[in-house]
Amino acid sequence: MGRERGSAMIWLTLMLCFQSSFAATFMVGDASGWGFDVSNWPKGKTFKAGDVLEFTYNRANHDVAVVDKEAYESCKIPQEAAVFETGDDLIPLKKGDNYFVCGFPGHCEGGMKIAITAT
């Protein structure tokens, strides 16, 4: 019985290690999705490099641009920015600061942007 219990403890330890190594997926804006006034959505959440953000939105009205801090603050999207337009985009976080904005005219200025730091 001691040997079985030891095997069970090793198995449990391995499961906990593997579970903690998987990336989490976060739906941006929760049930509301990617929309206006989403800039406060990241508050209180902890993000790690490799976690995935899921952006859901009506693609006729919005998109998601991955930008740098300057573009995030100015709401001016550089031509070389990666822009997602499917309406259900999965974007992994890199370690450090990550910035996302909507590229439709006036949307970023209207609060449709988020900044996330991943550890």
PDB file of N, CA and C in Angstrom:
ATOM      1  N   MET A   1       0.822  -1.199   0.000  1.00  0.00           N
ATOM      2  CA  MET A   1       0.000   0.000   0.000  1.00  0.00           C
ATOM      3  C   MET A   1       0.862   1.257   0.000  1.00  0.00           C
ATOM      4  N   GLY A   2       2.005   1.222   0.680  1.00  0.00           N
ATOM      5  CA  GLY A   2       2.897   2.370   0.716  1.00  0.00           C
ATOM      6  C   GLY A   2       3.425   2.716  -0.661  1.00  0.00           C
ATOM      7  N   ARG A   3       3.727   1.697  -1.447  1.00  0.00           N
ATOM      8  CA  ARG A   3       4.245   1.914  -2.794  1.00  0.00           C
ATOM      9  C   ARG A   3       3.188   2.543  -3.700  1.00  0.00           C
ATOM     10  N   GLU A   4       1.943   2.082  -3.585  1.00  0.00           N
ATOM     11  CA  GLU A   4       0.850   2.646  -4.383  1.00  0.00           C
ATOM     12  C   GLU A   4       0.622   4.106  -4.020  1.00  0.00           C
ATOM     13  N   ARG A   5       0.687   4.398  -2.735  1.00  0.00           N
ATOM     14  CA  ARG A   5       0.475   5.774  -2.285  1.00  0.00           C
ATOM     15  C   ARG A   5       1.583   6.678  -2.809  1.00  0.00           C
ATOM     16  N   GLY A   6       2.822   6.169  -2.795  1.00  0.00           N
ATOM     17  CA  GLY A   6       3.945   6.940  -3.322  1.00  0.00           C
ATOM     18  C   GLY A   6       3.779   7.215  -4.805  1.00  0.00           C
ATOM     19  N   SER A   7       3.321   6.212  -5.544  1.00  0.00           N
ATOM     20  CA  SER A   7       3.085   6.385  -6.987  1.00  0.00           C
ATOM     21  C   SER A   7       1.995   7.413  -7.239  1.00  0.00           C
ATOM     22  N   ALA A   8       0.963   7.379  -6.408  1.00  0.00           N
ATOM     23  CA  ALA A   8      -0.131   8.340  -6.555  1.00  0.00           C
ATOM     24  C   ALA A   8       0.358   9.760  -6.291  1.00  0.00           C
ATOM     25  N   MET A   9       1.228   9.921  -5.301  1.00  0.00           N
ATOM     26  CA  MET A   9       1.758  11.256  -4.982  1.00  0.00           C
ATOM     27  C   MET A   9       2.630  11.774  -6.123  1.00  0.00           C
ATOM     28  N   ILE A  10       3.431  10.893  -6.704  1.00  0.00           N
ATOM     29  CA  ILE A  10       4.265  11.306  -7.840  1.00  0.00           C
ATOM     30  C   ILE A  10       3.375  11.717  -9.009  1.00  0.00           C
ATOM     31  N   TRP A  11       2.343  10.932  -9.291  1.00  0.00           N
ATOM     32  CA  TRP A  11       1.413  11.238 -10.377  1.00  0.00           C
ATOM     33  C   TRP A  11       0.735  12.589 -10.156  1.00  0.00           C
ATOM     34  N   LEU A  12       0.271  12.835  -8.926  1.00  0.00           N
ATOM     35  CA  LEU A  12      -0.392  14.101  -8.595  1.00  0.00           C
ATOM     36  C   LEU A  12       0.566  15.271  -8.774  1.00  0.00           C
ATOM     37  N   THR A  13       1.788  15.104  -8.316  1.00  0.00           N
ATOM     38  CA  THR A  13       2.795  16.162  -8.460  1.00  0.00           C
ATOM     39  C   THR A  13       3.044  16.467  -9.931  1.00  0.00           C
ATOM     40  N   LEU A  14       3.193  15.428 -10.744  1.00  0.00           N
ATOM     41  CA  LEU A  14       3.401  15.633 -12.184  1.00  0.00           C
ATOM     42  C   LEU A  14       2.220  16.336 -12.828  1.00  0.00           C
ATOM     43  N   MET A  15       1.008  15.958 -12.464  1.00  0.00           N
ATOM     44  CA  MET A  15      -0.193  16.589 -13.020  1.00  0.00           C
ATOM     45  C   MET A  15      -0.237  18.073 -12.680  1.00  0.00           C
ATOM     46  N   LEU A  16       0.092  18.415 -11.442  1.00  0.00           N
ATOM     47  CA  LEU A  16       0.077  19.820 -11.035  1.00  0.00           C
ATOM     48  C   LEU A  16       1.138  20.613 -11.788  1.00  0.00           C
ATOM     49  N   CYS A  17       2.296  20.011 -12.000  1.00  0.00           N
ATOM     50  CA  CYS A  17       3.358  20.690 -12.756  1.00  0.00           C
ATOM     51  C   CYS A  17       2.924  20.940 -14.194  1.00  0.00           C
ATOM     52  N   PHE A  18       2.363  19.922 -14.840  1.00  0.00           N
ATOM     53  CA  PHE A  18       1.919  20.081 -16.229  1.00  0.00           C
ATOM     54  C   PHE A  18       0.778  21.076 -16.344  1.00  0.00           C
ATOM     55  N   GLN A  19      -0.153  21.044 -15.409  1.00  0.00           N
ATOM     56  CA  GLN A  19      -1.293  21.951 -15.463  1.00  0.00           C
ATOM     57  C   GLN A  19      -0.836  23.395 -15.367  1.00  0.00           C
ATOM     58  N   SER A  20       0.144  23.678 -14.508  1.00  0.00           N
ATOM     59  CA  SER A  20       0.586  25.054 -14.339  1.00  0.00           C
ATOM     60  C   SER A  20       1.394  25.547 -15.535  1.00  0.00           C
ATOM     61  N   SER A  21       1.861  24.641 -16.405  1.00  0.00           N
ATOM     62  CA  SER A  21       2.656  25.064 -17.546  1.00  0.00           C
ATOM     63  C   SER A  21       1.800  25.417 -18.761  1.00  0.00           C
ATOM     64  N   PHE A  22       0.528  25.101 -18.754  1.00  0.00           N
ATOM     65  CA  PHE A  22      -0.341  25.422 -19.883  1.00  0.00           C
ATOM     66  C   PHE A  22      -0.730  26.895 -19.870  1.00  0.00           C
ATOM     67  N   ALA A  23      -0.832  27.464 -21.045  1.00  0.00           N
ATOM     68  CA  ALA A  23      -1.241  28.858 -21.171  1.00  0.00           C
ATOM     69  C   ALA A  23      -2.746  28.984 -20.931  1.00  0.00           C
ATOM     70  N   ALA A  24      -3.118  30.108 -20.383  1.00  0.00           N
ATOM     71  CA  ALA A  24      -4.536  30.412 -20.172  1.00  0.00           C
ATOM     72  C   ALA A  24      -5.050  31.194 -21.377  1.00  0.00           C
ATOM     73  N   THR A  25      -6.341  31.075 -21.639  1.00  0.00           N
ATOM     74  CA  THR A  25      -6.985  31.864 -22.686  1.00  0.00           C
ATOM     75  C   THR A  25      -7.967  32.816 -22.022  1.00  0.00           C
ATOM     76  N   PHE A  26      -7.875  34.095 -22.382  1.00  0.00           N
ATOM     77  CA  PHE A  26      -8.734  35.129 -21.826  1.00  0.00           C
ATOM     78  C   PHE A  26      -9.581  35.728 -22.934  1.00  0.00           C
ATOM     79  N   MET A  27     -10.887  35.823 -22.730  1.00  0.00           N
ATOM     80  CA  MET A  27     -11.750  36.480 -23.699  1.00  0.00           C
ATOM     81  C   MET A  27     -11.765  37.974 -23.374  1.00  0.00           C
ATOM     82  N   VAL A  28     -11.201  38.758 -24.261  1.00  0.00           N
ATOM     83  CA  VAL A  28     -11.111  40.200 -24.053  1.00  0.00           C
ATOM     84  C   VAL A  28     -12.506  40.798 -23.947  1.00  0.00           C
ATOM     85  N   GLY A  29     -12.734  41.553 -22.879  1.00  0.00           N
ATOM     86  CA  GLY A  29     -14.036  42.168 -22.655  1.00  0.00           C
ATOM     87  C   GLY A  29     -15.052  41.219 -22.056  1.00  0.00           C
ATOM     88  N   ASP A  30     -14.602  40.015 -21.699  1.00  0.00           N
ATOM     89  CA  ASP A  30     -15.483  38.970 -21.165  1.00  0.00           C
ATOM     90  C   ASP A  30     -16.652  38.735 -22.125  1.00  0.00           C
ATOM     91  N   ALA A  31     -17.856  38.611 -21.620  1.00  0.00           N
ATOM     92  CA  ALA A  31     -19.015  38.278 -22.463  1.00  0.00           C
ATOM     93  C   ALA A  31     -19.326  39.367 -23.488  1.00  0.00           C
ATOM     94  N   SER A  32     -18.935  40.604 -23.203  1.00  0.00           N
ATOM     95  CA  SER A  32     -19.209  41.718 -24.131  1.00  0.00           C
ATOM     96  C   SER A  32     -18.294  41.698 -25.348  1.00  0.00           C
ATOM     97  N   GLY A  33     -17.135  41.065 -25.213  1.00  0.00           N
ATOM     98  CA  GLY A  33     -16.193  41.010 -26.323  1.00  0.00           C
ATOM     99  C   GLY A  33     -15.397  42.294 -26.487  1.00  0.00           C
ATOM    100  N   TRP A  34     -14.691  42.361 -27.594  1.00  0.00           N
ATOM    101  CA  TRP A  34     -13.823  43.489 -27.933  1.00  0.00           C
ATOM    102  C   TRP A  34     -14.708  44.642 -28.384  1.00  0.00           C
ATOM    103  N   GLY A  35     -14.744  45.707 -27.575  1.00  0.00           N
ATOM    104  CA  GLY A  35     -15.596  46.847 -27.887  1.00  0.00           C
ATOM    105  C   GLY A  35     -15.132  48.100 -27.170  1.00  0.00           C
ATOM    106  N   PHE A  36     -15.933  49.120 -27.252  1.00  0.00           N
ATOM    107  CA  PHE A  36     -15.595  50.389 -26.609  1.00  0.00           C
ATOM    108  C   PHE A  36     -15.514  50.234 -25.094  1.00  0.00           C
ATOM    109  N   ASP A  37     -14.721  51.085 -24.478  1.00  0.00           N
ATOM    110  CA  ASP A  37     -14.541  51.101 -23.022  1.00  0.00           C
ATOM    111  C   ASP A  37     -14.017  49.777 -22.475  1.00  0.00           C
ATOM    112  N   VAL A  38     -13.196  49.091 -23.241  1.00  0.00           N
ATOM    113  CA  VAL A  38     -12.611  47.824 -22.799  1.00  0.00           C
ATOM    114  C   VAL A  38     -11.246  48.057 -22.134  1.00  0.00           C
ATOM    115  N   SER A  39     -10.769  49.295 -22.117  1.00  0.00           N
ATOM    116  CA  SER A  39      -9.414  49.569 -21.639  1.00  0.00           C
ATOM    117  C   SER A  39      -9.192  49.172 -20.182  1.00  0.00           C
ATOM    118  N   ASN A  40     -10.232  49.126 -19.369  1.00  0.00           N
ATOM    119  CA  ASN A  40     -10.080  48.713 -17.967  1.00  0.00           C
ATOM    120  C   ASN A  40     -10.217  47.206 -17.769  1.00  0.00           C
ATOM    121  N   TRP A  41     -10.547  46.467 -18.800  1.00  0.00           N
ATOM    122  CA  TRP A  41     -10.764  45.025 -18.685  1.00  0.00           C
ATOM    123  C   TRP A  41      -9.574  44.276 -18.072  1.00  0.00           C
ATOM    124  N   PRO A  42      -8.311  44.609 -18.407  1.00  0.00           N
ATOM    125  CA  PRO A  42      -7.189  43.842 -17.844  1.00  0.00           C
ATOM    126  C   PRO A  42      -6.974  44.026 -16.337  1.00  0.00           C
ATOM    127  N   LYS A  43      -7.515  45.076 -15.750  1.00  0.00           N
ATOM    128  CA  LYS A  43      -7.261  45.357 -14.330  1.00  0.00           C
ATOM    129  C   LYS A  43      -7.687  44.195 -13.449  1.00  0.00           C
ATOM    130  N   GLY A  44      -6.792  43.826 -12.529  1.00  0.00           N
ATOM    131  CA  GLY A  44      -7.065  42.748 -11.597  1.00  0.00           C
ATOM    132  C   GLY A  44      -6.763  41.359 -12.141  1.00  0.00           C
ATOM    133  N   LYS A  45      -6.337  41.280 -13.402  1.00  0.00           N
ATOM    134  CA  LYS A  45      -6.003  39.983 -14.003  1.00  0.00           C
ATOM    135  C   LYS A  45      -4.482  39.832 -14.065  1.00  0.00           C
ATOM    136  N   THR A  46      -4.023  38.603 -13.995  1.00  0.00           N
ATOM    137  CA  THR A  46      -2.595  38.311 -14.103  1.00  0.00           C
ATOM    138  C   THR A  46      -2.355  37.563 -15.405  1.00  0.00           C
ATOM    139  N   PHE A  47      -1.414  38.058 -16.176  1.00  0.00           N
ATOM    140  CA  PHE A  47      -1.116  37.476 -17.479  1.00  0.00           C
ATOM    141  C   PHE A  47       0.326  36.977 -17.516  1.00  0.00           C
ATOM    142  N   LYS A  48       0.529  35.871 -18.217  1.00  0.00           N
ATOM    143  CA  LYS A  48       1.859  35.306 -18.396  1.00  0.00           C
ATOM    144  C   LYS A  48       2.164  35.235 -19.888  1.00  0.00           C
ATOM    145  N   ALA A  49       3.458  35.304 -20.205  1.00  0.00           N
ATOM    146  CA  ALA A  49       3.872  35.125 -21.597  1.00  0.00           C
ATOM    147  C   ALA A  49       3.362  33.772 -22.083  1.00  0.00           C
ATOM    148  N   GLY A  50       2.775  33.760 -23.261  1.00  0.00           N
ATOM    149  CA  GLY A  50       2.193  32.539 -23.819  1.00  0.00           C
ATOM    150  C   GLY A  50       0.696  32.437 -23.605  1.00  0.00           C
ATOM    151  N   ASP A  51       0.151  33.200 -22.639  1.00  0.00           N
ATOM    152  CA  ASP A  51      -1.306  33.242 -22.502  1.00  0.00           C
ATOM    153  C   ASP A  51      -1.883  33.782 -23.808  1.00  0.00           C
ATOM    154  N   VAL A  52      -3.120  33.424 -24.073  1.00  0.00           N
ATOM    155  CA  VAL A  52      -3.754  33.804 -25.342  1.00  0.00           C
ATOM    156  C   VAL A  52      -4.934  34.724 -25.070  1.00  0.00           C
ATOM    157  N   LEU A  53      -4.997  35.808 -25.828  1.00  0.00           N
ATOM    158  CA  LEU A  53      -6.163  36.698 -25.772  1.00  0.00           C
ATOM    159  C   LEU A  53      -7.073  36.348 -26.934  1.00  0.00           C
ATOM    160  N   GLU A  54      -8.352  36.178 -26.624  1.00  0.00           N
ATOM    161  CA  GLU A  54      -9.340  35.926 -27.671  1.00  0.00           C
ATOM    162  C   GLU A  54     -10.155  37.195 -27.855  1.00  0.00           C
ATOM    163  N   PHE A  55     -10.067  37.750 -29.033  1.00  0.00           N
ATOM    164  CA  PHE A  55     -10.805  38.959 -29.385  1.00  0.00           C
ATOM    165  C   PHE A  55     -12.008  38.548 -30.221  1.00  0.00           C
ATOM    166  N   THR A  56     -13.218  38.759 -29.713  1.00  0.00           N
ATOM    167  CA  THR A  56     -14.431  38.477 -30.483  1.00  0.00           C
ATOM    168  C   THR A  56     -15.142  39.795 -30.760  1.00  0.00           C
ATOM    169  N   TYR A  57     -15.567  39.977 -32.014  1.00  0.00           N
ATOM    170  CA  TYR A  57     -16.164  41.248 -32.430  1.00  0.00           C
ATOM    171  C   TYR A  57     -16.804  41.074 -33.801  1.00  0.00           C
ATOM    172  N   ASN A  58     -17.605  42.068 -34.176  1.00  0.00           N
ATOM    173  CA  ASN A  58     -18.200  42.102 -35.507  1.00  0.00           C
ATOM    174  C   ASN A  58     -17.143  42.659 -36.461  1.00  0.00           C
ATOM    175  N   ARG A  59     -16.655  41.828 -37.363  1.00  0.00           N
ATOM    176  CA  ARG A  59     -15.550  42.246 -38.223  1.00  0.00           C
ATOM    177  C   ARG A  59     -15.923  43.338 -39.227  1.00  0.00           C
ATOM    178  N   ALA A  60     -17.192  43.572 -39.426  1.00  0.00           N
ATOM    179  CA  ALA A  60     -17.593  44.680 -40.296  1.00  0.00           C
ATOM    180  C   ALA A  60     -17.379  46.024 -39.593  1.00  0.00           C
ATOM    181  N   ASN A  61     -17.277  45.991 -38.261  1.00  0.00           N
ATOM    182  CA  ASN A  61     -17.182  47.234 -37.492  1.00  0.00           C
ATOM    183  C   ASN A  61     -15.879  47.428 -36.739  1.00  0.00           C
ATOM    184  N   HIS A  62     -15.070  46.372 -36.590  1.00  0.00           N
ATOM    185  CA  HIS A  62     -13.860  46.458 -35.775  1.00  0.00           C
ATOM    186  C   HIS A  62     -12.750  45.581 -36.342  1.00  0.00           C
ATOM    187  N   ASP A  63     -11.557  45.765 -35.811  1.00  0.00           N
ATOM    188  CA  ASP A  63     -10.420  44.886 -36.042  1.00  0.00           C
ATOM    189  C   ASP A  63      -9.536  44.966 -34.801  1.00  0.00           C
ATOM    190  N   VAL A  64      -8.392  44.289 -34.829  1.00  0.00           N
ATOM    191  CA  VAL A  64      -7.434  44.333 -33.723  1.00  0.00           C
ATOM    192  C   VAL A  64      -6.051  44.538 -34.315  1.00  0.00           C
ATOM    193  N   ALA A  65      -5.394  45.617 -33.902  1.00  0.00           N
ATOM    194  CA  ALA A  65      -4.024  45.879 -34.338  1.00  0.00           C
ATOM    195  C   ALA A  65      -3.094  45.700 -33.143  1.00  0.00           C
ATOM    196  N   VAL A  66      -2.008  44.977 -33.362  1.00  0.00           N
ATOM    197  CA  VAL A  66      -0.971  44.815 -32.344  1.00  0.00           C
ATOM    198  C   VAL A  66       0.042  45.923 -32.593  1.00  0.00           C
ATOM    199  N   VAL A  67       0.205  46.791 -31.591  1.00  0.00           N
ATOM    200  CA  VAL A  67       1.022  47.989 -31.779  1.00  0.00           C
ATOM    201  C   VAL A  67       2.039  48.142 -30.639  1.00  0.00           C
ATOM    202  N   ASP A  68       2.895  49.154 -30.766  1.00  0.00           N
ATOM    203  CA  ASP A  68       3.829  49.472 -29.693  1.00  0.00           C
ATOM    204  C   ASP A  68       3.221  50.565 -28.805  1.00  0.00           C
ATOM    205  N   LYS A  69       3.941  50.935 -27.766  1.00  0.00           N
ATOM    206  CA  LYS A  69       3.422  51.903 -26.789  1.00  0.00           C
ATOM    207  C   LYS A  69       3.090  53.244 -27.442  1.00  0.00           C
ATOM    208  N   GLU A  70       3.961  53.700 -28.328  1.00  0.00           N
ATOM    209  CA  GLU A  70       3.736  54.988 -28.991  1.00  0.00           C
ATOM    210  C   GLU A  70       2.436  54.987 -29.790  1.00  0.00           C
ATOM    211  N   ALA A  71       2.208  53.931 -30.557  1.00  0.00           N
ATOM    212  CA  ALA A  71       0.982  53.828 -31.352  1.00  0.00           C
ATOM    213  C   ALA A  71      -0.238  53.673 -30.455  1.00  0.00           C
ATOM    214  N   TYR A  72      -0.072  52.945 -29.347  1.00  0.00           N
ATOM    215  CA  TYR A  72      -1.162  52.785 -28.374  1.00  0.00           C
ATOM    216  C   TYR A  72      -1.576  54.147 -27.819  1.00  0.00           C
ATOM    217  N   GLU A  73      -0.589  54.949 -27.436  1.00  0.00           N
ATOM    218  CA  GLU A  73      -0.890  56.256 -26.839  1.00  0.00           C
ATOM    219  C   GLU A  73      -1.420  57.259 -27.853  1.00  0.00           C
ATOM    220  N   SER A  74      -0.906  57.219 -29.091  1.00  0.00           N
ATOM    221  CA  SER A  74      -1.306  58.190 -30.111  1.00  0.00           C
ATOM    222  C   SER A  74      -2.516  57.746 -30.922  1.00  0.00           C
ATOM    223  N   CYS A  75      -2.834  56.450 -30.850  1.00  0.00           N
ATOM    224  CA  CYS A  75      -3.895  55.868 -31.678  1.00  0.00           C
ATOM    225  C   CYS A  75      -3.611  56.022 -33.173  1.00  0.00           C
ATOM    226  N   LYS A  76      -2.333  56.051 -33.521  1.00  0.00           N
ATOM    227  CA  LYS A  76      -1.921  56.083 -34.923  1.00  0.00           C
ATOM    228  C   LYS A  76      -1.231  54.753 -35.212  1.00  0.00           C
ATOM    229  N   ILE A  77      -1.867  53.937 -36.039  1.00  0.00           N
ATOM    230  CA  ILE A  77      -1.386  52.581 -36.297  1.00  0.00           C
ATOM    231  C   ILE A  77      -0.354  52.601 -37.418  1.00  0.00           C
ATOM    232  N   PRO A  78       0.860  52.119 -37.122  1.00  0.00           N
ATOM    233  CA  PRO A  78       1.882  52.080 -38.173  1.00  0.00           C
ATOM    234  C   PRO A  78       1.526  51.073 -39.267  1.00  0.00           C
ATOM    235  N   GLN A  79       1.997  51.329 -40.455  1.00  0.00           N
ATOM    236  CA  GLN A  79       1.693  50.474 -41.597  1.00  0.00           C
ATOM    237  C   GLN A  79       2.166  49.031 -41.373  1.00  0.00           C
ATOM    238  N   GLU A  80       3.263  48.859 -40.623  1.00  0.00           N
ATOM    239  CA  GLU A  80       3.817  47.513 -40.415  1.00  0.00           C
ATOM    240  C   GLU A  80       3.149  46.739 -39.272  1.00  0.00           C
ATOM    241  N   ALA A  81       2.161  47.345 -38.619  1.00  0.00           N
ATOM    242  CA  ALA A  81       1.482  46.666 -37.507  1.00  0.00           C
ATOM    243  C   ALA A  81       0.721  45.440 -38.004  1.00  0.00           C
ATOM    244  N   ALA A  82       0.709  44.396 -37.166  1.00  0.00           N
ATOM    245  CA  ALA A  82      -0.099  43.208 -37.471  1.00  0.00           C
ATOM    246  C   ALA A  82      -1.554  43.548 -37.171  1.00  0.00           C
ATOM    247  N   VAL A  83      -2.425  43.360 -38.143  1.00  0.00           N
ATOM    248  CA  VAL A  83      -3.845  43.669 -37.987  1.00  0.00           C
ATOM    249  C   VAL A  83      -4.649  42.389 -38.212  1.00  0.00           C
ATOM    250  N   PHE A  84      -5.507  42.078 -37.244  1.00  0.00           N
ATOM    251  CA  PHE A  84      -6.354  40.889 -37.305  1.00  0.00           C
ATOM    252  C   PHE A  84      -7.780  41.335 -37.618  1.00  0.00           C
ATOM    253  N   GLU A  85      -8.471  40.562 -38.466  1.00  0.00           N
ATOM    254  CA  GLU A  85      -9.775  41.002 -38.963  1.00  0.00           C
ATOM    255  C   GLU A  85     -10.809  39.885 -39.043  1.00  0.00           C
ATOM    256  N   THR A  86     -10.607  38.773 -38.354  1.00  0.00           N
ATOM    257  CA  THR A  86     -11.517  37.637 -38.523  1.00  0.00           C
ATOM    258  C   THR A  86     -12.793  37.741 -37.697  1.00  0.00           C
ATOM    259  N   GLY A  87     -12.756  38.535 -36.625  1.00  0.00           N
ATOM    260  CA  GLY A  87     -13.899  38.600 -35.719  1.00  0.00           C
ATOM    261  C   GLY A  87     -13.792  37.624 -34.566  1.00  0.00           C
ATOM    262  N   ASP A  88     -12.804  36.733 -34.629  1.00  0.00           N
ATOM    263  CA  ASP A  88     -12.525  35.786 -33.539  1.00  0.00           C
ATOM    264  C   ASP A  88     -11.041  35.448 -33.598  1.00  0.00           C
ATOM    265  N   ASP A  89     -10.241  36.370 -33.094  1.00  0.00           N
ATOM    266  CA  ASP A  89      -8.789  36.261 -33.211  1.00  0.00           C
ATOM    267  C   ASP A  89      -8.164  35.775 -31.911  1.00  0.00           C
ATOM    268  N   LEU A  90      -7.212  34.855 -32.028  1.00  0.00           N
ATOM    269  CA  LEU A  90      -6.459  34.343 -30.894  1.00  0.00           C
ATOM    270  C   LEU A  90      -5.039  34.865 -31.017  1.00  0.00           C
ATOM    271  N   ILE A  91      -4.619  35.684 -30.039  1.00  0.00           N
ATOM    272  CA  ILE A  91      -3.309  36.313 -30.113  1.00  0.00           C
ATOM    273  C   ILE A  91      -2.531  36.003 -28.836  1.00  0.00           C
ATOM    274  N   PRO A  92      -1.387  35.308 -28.959  1.00  0.00           N
ATOM    275  CA  PRO A  92      -0.584  34.998 -27.772  1.00  0.00           C
ATOM    276  C   PRO A  92       0.168  36.234 -27.270  1.00  0.00           C
ATOM    277  N   LEU A  93       0.327  36.301 -25.954  1.00  0.00           N
ATOM    278  CA  LEU A  93       1.055  37.407 -25.341  1.00  0.00           C
ATOM    279  C   LEU A  93       2.548  37.111 -25.312  1.00  0.00           C
ATOM    280  N   LYS A  94       3.335  38.129 -25.592  1.00  0.00           N
ATOM    281  CA  LYS A  94       4.780  38.015 -25.426  1.00  0.00           C
ATOM    282  C   LYS A  94       5.139  38.521 -24.031  1.00  0.00           C
ATOM    283  N   LYS A  95       6.311  38.161 -23.559  1.00  0.00           N
ATOM    284  CA  LYS A  95       6.745  38.631 -22.258  1.00  0.00           C
ATOM    285  C   LYS A  95       6.963  40.136 -22.319  1.00  0.00           C
ATOM    286  N   GLY A  96       6.469  40.840 -21.315  1.00  0.00           N
ATOM    287  CA  GLY A  96       6.599  42.292 -21.274  1.00  0.00           C
ATOM    288  C   GLY A  96       5.294  42.969 -21.641  1.00  0.00           C
ATOM    289  N   ASP A  97       5.421  44.155 -22.205  1.00  0.00           N
ATOM    290  CA  ASP A  97       4.242  44.962 -22.531  1.00  0.00           C
ATOM    291  C   ASP A  97       3.658  44.567 -23.883  1.00  0.00           C
ATOM    292  N   ASN A  98       2.332  44.481 -23.930  1.00  0.00           N
ATOM    293  CA  ASN A  98       1.576  44.148 -25.136  1.00  0.00           C
ATOM    294  C   ASN A  98       0.482  45.196 -25.307  1.00  0.00           C
ATOM    295  N   TYR A  99       0.355  45.718 -26.515  1.00  0.00           N
ATOM    296  CA  TYR A  99      -0.623  46.781 -26.778  1.00  0.00           C
ATOM    297  C   TYR A  99      -1.505  46.396 -27.961  1.00  0.00           C
ATOM    298  N   PHE A 100      -2.814  46.629 -27.799  1.00  0.00           N
ATOM    299  CA  PHE A 100      -3.798  46.297 -28.827  1.00  0.00           C
ATOM    300  C   PHE A 100      -4.772  47.452 -28.981  1.00  0.00           C
ATOM    301  N   VAL A 101      -5.107  47.782 -30.223  1.00  0.00           N
ATOM    302  CA  VAL A 101      -6.064  48.857 -30.495  1.00  0.00           C
ATOM    303  C   VAL A 101      -6.974  48.440 -31.646  1.00  0.00           C
ATOM    304  N   CYS A 102      -8.119  49.077 -31.726  1.00  0.00           N
ATOM    305  CA  CYS A 102      -8.972  48.931 -32.895  1.00  0.00           C
ATOM    306  C   CYS A 102      -8.533  49.964 -33.913  1.00  0.00           C
ATOM    307  N   GLY A 103      -8.364  49.531 -35.162  1.00  0.00           N
ATOM    308  CA  GLY A 103      -7.879  50.426 -36.207  1.00  0.00           C
ATOM    309  C   GLY A 103      -8.953  51.198 -36.941  1.00  0.00           C
ATOM    310  N   PHE A 104     -10.233  50.964 -36.634  1.00  0.00           N
ATOM    311  CA  PHE A 104     -11.281  51.725 -37.304  1.00  0.00           C
ATOM    312  C   PHE A 104     -11.243  53.179 -36.812  1.00  0.00           C
ATOM    313  N   PRO A 105     -11.491  54.132 -37.702  1.00  0.00           N
ATOM    314  CA  PRO A 105     -11.396  55.544 -37.340  1.00  0.00           C
ATOM    315  C   PRO A 105     -12.210  55.895 -36.082  1.00  0.00           C
ATOM    316  N   GLY A 106     -11.534  56.508 -35.124  1.00  0.00           N
ATOM    317  CA  GLY A 106     -12.171  56.987 -33.901  1.00  0.00           C
ATOM    318  C   GLY A 106     -12.341  55.945 -32.815  1.00  0.00           C
ATOM    319  N   HIS A 107     -12.161  54.684 -33.122  1.00  0.00           N
ATOM    320  CA  HIS A 107     -12.414  53.636 -32.129  1.00  0.00           C
ATOM    321  C   HIS A 107     -11.358  53.607 -31.030  1.00  0.00           C
ATOM    322  N   CYS A 108     -10.082  53.693 -31.398  1.00  0.00           N
ATOM    323  CA  CYS A 108      -9.020  53.721 -30.394  1.00  0.00           C
ATOM    324  C   CYS A 108      -9.202  54.939 -29.486  1.00  0.00           C
ATOM    325  N   GLU A 109      -9.448  56.076 -30.096  1.00  0.00           N
ATOM    326  CA  GLU A 109      -9.663  57.298 -29.323  1.00  0.00           C
ATOM    327  C   GLU A 109     -10.884  57.183 -28.407  1.00  0.00           C
ATOM    328  N   GLY A 110     -11.841  56.347 -28.790  1.00  0.00           N
ATOM    329  CA  GLY A 110     -13.050  56.119 -28.002  1.00  0.00           C
ATOM    330  C   GLY A 110     -12.878  55.085 -26.901  1.00  0.00           C
ATOM    331  N   GLY A 111     -11.657  54.603 -26.696  1.00  0.00           N
ATOM    332  CA  GLY A 111     -11.389  53.671 -25.609  1.00  0.00           C
ATOM    333  C   GLY A 111     -11.267  52.219 -26.023  1.00  0.00           C
ATOM    334  N   MET A 112     -11.240  51.962 -27.305  1.00  0.00           N
ATOM    335  CA  MET A 112     -11.140  50.580 -27.765  1.00  0.00           C
ATOM    336  C   MET A 112      -9.675  50.207 -27.929  1.00  0.00           C
ATOM    337  N   LYS A 113      -9.023  50.047 -26.763  1.00  0.00           N
ATOM    338  CA  LYS A 113      -7.606  49.687 -26.725  1.00  0.00           C
ATOM    339  C   LYS A 113      -7.296  49.102 -25.355  1.00  0.00           C
ATOM    340  N   ILE A 114      -6.315  48.194 -25.325  1.00  0.00           N
ATOM    341  CA  ILE A 114      -5.873  47.623 -24.057  1.00  0.00           C
ATOM    342  C   ILE A 114      -4.355  47.512 -24.035  1.00  0.00           C
ATOM    343  N   ALA A 115      -3.809  47.654 -22.838  1.00  0.00           N
ATOM    344  CA  ALA A 115      -2.378  47.455 -22.590  1.00  0.00           C
ATOM    345  C   ALA A 115      -2.262  46.367 -21.533  1.00  0.00           C
ATOM    346  N   ILE A 116      -1.419  45.374 -21.795  1.00  0.00           N
ATOM    347  CA  ILE A 116      -1.251  44.239 -20.891  1.00  0.00           C
ATOM    348  C   ILE A 116       0.230  43.949 -20.714  1.00  0.00           C
ATOM    349  N   THR A 117       0.630  43.728 -19.462  1.00  0.00           N
ATOM    350  CA  THR A 117       1.990  43.304 -19.175  1.00  0.00           C
ATOM    351  C   THR A 117       1.944  41.828 -18.789  1.00  0.00           C
ATOM    352  N   ALA A 118       2.711  41.020 -19.511  1.00  0.00           N
ATOM    353  CA  ALA A 118       2.791  39.590 -19.243  1.00  0.00           C
ATOM    354  C   ALA A 118       4.144  39.267 -18.624  1.00  0.00           C
ATOM    355  N   THR A 119       4.103  38.464 -17.574  1.00  0.00           N
ATOM    356  CA  THR A 119       5.345  38.084 -16.889  1.00  0.00           C
ATOM    357  C   THR A 119       5.915  36.816 -17.474  1.00  0.00           C
TER     358      THR A 119
END
